[in-house]
């Protein structure tokens, strides 16, 4: 009988304890992380349209790159990708901190200081004179490194460059 009384006391005492309740955000409030398609259509799309119009009007950072080339050599990286065509005998020298992706053609790594170029896609270094794989991201830590067409190349060479470069 004492067990039943003890059990009843425990159950009654537990029923008077405060219960925890998660504070759910009120739908549509600033704390609610979910938006509806109609909210997106009305608000977010307009903001995107305004930003694109501003960029086009001011000549700002418009996607698509610069097909003419960036002859800057100060190492100041640009947010735009420049599309560059390399011809036989040319060398693309890339500024420190810049990035390159070979999109078409066969190229070889060039380095005036004999150091390698990091291929971050493969997780390895490309030594001077080594073949650069297509669609791999190369990061140039210092000036004096670049790419040159492979003598065995038979197609046009197209590369994408983010940052400063010169063609010699």
Foldseek 3Di string as FASTA:
>chain_A
DVVVVVVVVVVVVVVPDDDDDDDDDDPPDPPDPDDDPVCCVVPVVVVVVVVQVVCVVVVHDDADAAAVAFADAPFDWAPYKYKYWADAPKWKWAAAFKKKAWADAKKFKFAPVQDWWAFVVVRDTGTGRGIDDHGTITHHHHTRITIHHDPPIDDIIIMIMTTHIRMD
